[in-house]
Amino acid sequence: MNTDILNCRLRNCLATILELEGSLEQTQLAAVLQKEFSVLKDVMQRLEKVTVEEHDVHRIEVATSRFLAEVKETLGEQPSSGLDSRILQ
């Protein structure tokens, strides 16, 4: 599969998670996730230099979906940014 498409799918997953940073700042997870958000931001900046395979992107997409489900439970409601309306490839 085209590397640009794979990188776009990966970027979509990372951006989706990063959109939750503001919502999660109000939870008990804020301190734990702060470092993780910093790492994800760094990865986003260097994404053009990363080579990924289809199975890697698929694994990250599945993990992103699971994370979003857990976040819904933590926040006690659907995240306000409309993340459920997004389609993960």
Protein backbone atom coordinates (compact mmCIF):
# COMPACT_ATOMS: atom_id res chain seq x y z
CA MET A 1 0.00 0.00 0.00
CA ASN A 2 1.10 3.56 -0.65
CA THR A 3 3.32 4.96 2.12
CA ASP A 4 1.51 8.32 1.98
CA ILE A 5 -1.83 6.63 2.66
CA LEU A 6 -0.41 4.65 5.56
CA ASN A 7 1.16 7.78 7.06
CA CYS A 8 -2.14 9.62 6.64
CA ARG A 9 -4.00 6.86 8.47
CA LEU A 10 -1.39 6.93 11.24
CA ARG A 11 -1.59 10.73 11.46
CA ASN A 12 -5.38 10.46 11.75
CA CYS A 13 -5.08 8.10 14.73
CA LEU A 14 -2.58 10.33 16.50
CA ALA A 15 -4.59 13.50 15.83
CA THR A 16 -7.76 11.84 17.12
CA ILE A 17 -6.05 10.95 20.40
CA LEU A 18 -4.44 14.38 20.73
CA GLU A 19 -7.84 16.05 20.33
CA LEU A 20 -8.80 14.51 23.66
CA GLU A 21 -6.01 16.19 25.59
CA GLY A 22 -8.18 19.11 26.71
CA SER A 23 -11.05 16.88 27.84
CA LEU A 24 -8.74 14.57 29.76
CA GLU A 25 -7.05 17.44 31.62
CA GLN A 26 -10.09 17.48 33.92
CA THR A 27 -9.73 13.82 34.91
CA GLN A 28 -7.54 11.85 37.28
CA LEU A 29 -5.63 10.58 34.24
CA ALA A 30 -4.24 14.03 33.38
CA ALA A 31 -0.91 13.60 35.16
CA VAL A 32 -0.39 10.11 33.79
CA LEU A 33 -1.25 11.04 30.20
CA GLN A 34 0.65 14.33 30.01
CA LYS A 35 3.93 12.63 29.11
CA GLU A 36 2.18 10.38 26.62
CA PHE A 37 0.60 13.36 24.87
CA SER A 38 4.04 14.97 24.63
CA VAL A 39 5.44 11.83 23.01
CA LEU A 40 2.55 11.70 20.52
CA LYS A 41 3.11 15.35 19.58
CA ASP A 42 6.78 14.61 18.96
CA VAL A 43 5.89 11.61 16.78
CA MET A 44 3.45 13.76 14.78
CA GLN A 45 6.25 16.22 14.00
CA ARG A 46 8.53 13.46 12.75
CA LEU A 47 5.92 11.33 10.99
CA GLU A 48 7.20 12.04 7.48
CA LYS A 49 10.42 10.23 8.41
CA VAL A 50 8.63 7.14 9.71
CA THR A 51 8.12 4.09 7.54
CA VAL A 52 5.16 1.94 8.52
CA GLU A 53 3.61 -1.23 7.20
CA GLU A 54 -0.09 -2.01 6.76
CA HIS A 55 -0.16 -4.39 9.74
CA ASP A 56 1.43 -1.74 11.97
CA VAL A 57 -1.15 0.87 10.99
CA HIS A 58 -3.98 -1.59 11.46
CA ARG A 59 -2.71 -2.44 14.94
CA ILE A 60 -2.54 1.27 15.83
CA GLU A 61 -6.05 1.84 14.48
CA VAL A 62 -7.39 -0.98 16.66
CA ALA A 63 -5.54 0.39 19.69
CA THR A 64 -6.93 3.87 18.98
CA SER A 65 -10.48 2.50 18.86
CA ARG A 66 -9.96 0.73 22.17
CA PHE A 67 -8.50 3.87 23.72
CA LEU A 68 -11.50 5.92 22.54
CA ALA A 69 -13.87 3.38 24.11
CA GLU A 70 -12.01 3.60 27.42
CA VAL A 71 -12.02 7.40 27.28
CA LYS A 72 -15.79 7.38 26.81
CA GLU A 73 -16.11 5.41 30.03
CA THR A 74 -13.68 7.71 31.86
CA LEU A 75 -15.46 10.86 30.75
CA GLY A 76 -18.85 9.31 31.42
CA GLU A 77 -20.23 10.60 28.15
CA GLN A 78 -19.43 10.91 24.48
CA PRO A 79 -16.43 13.21 23.90
CA SER A 80 -17.66 16.59 22.74
CA SER A 81 -15.37 16.75 19.72
CA GLY A 82 -17.56 14.31 17.77
CA LEU A 83 -14.95 11.58 17.62
CA ASP A 84 -17.56 8.89 17.08
CA SER A 85 -18.39 10.44 13.73
CA ARG A 86 -14.86 9.79 12.51
CA ILE A 87 -14.16 6.68 10.53
CA LEU A 88 -10.95 4.85 11.25
CA GLN A 89 -9.67 3.16 8.17
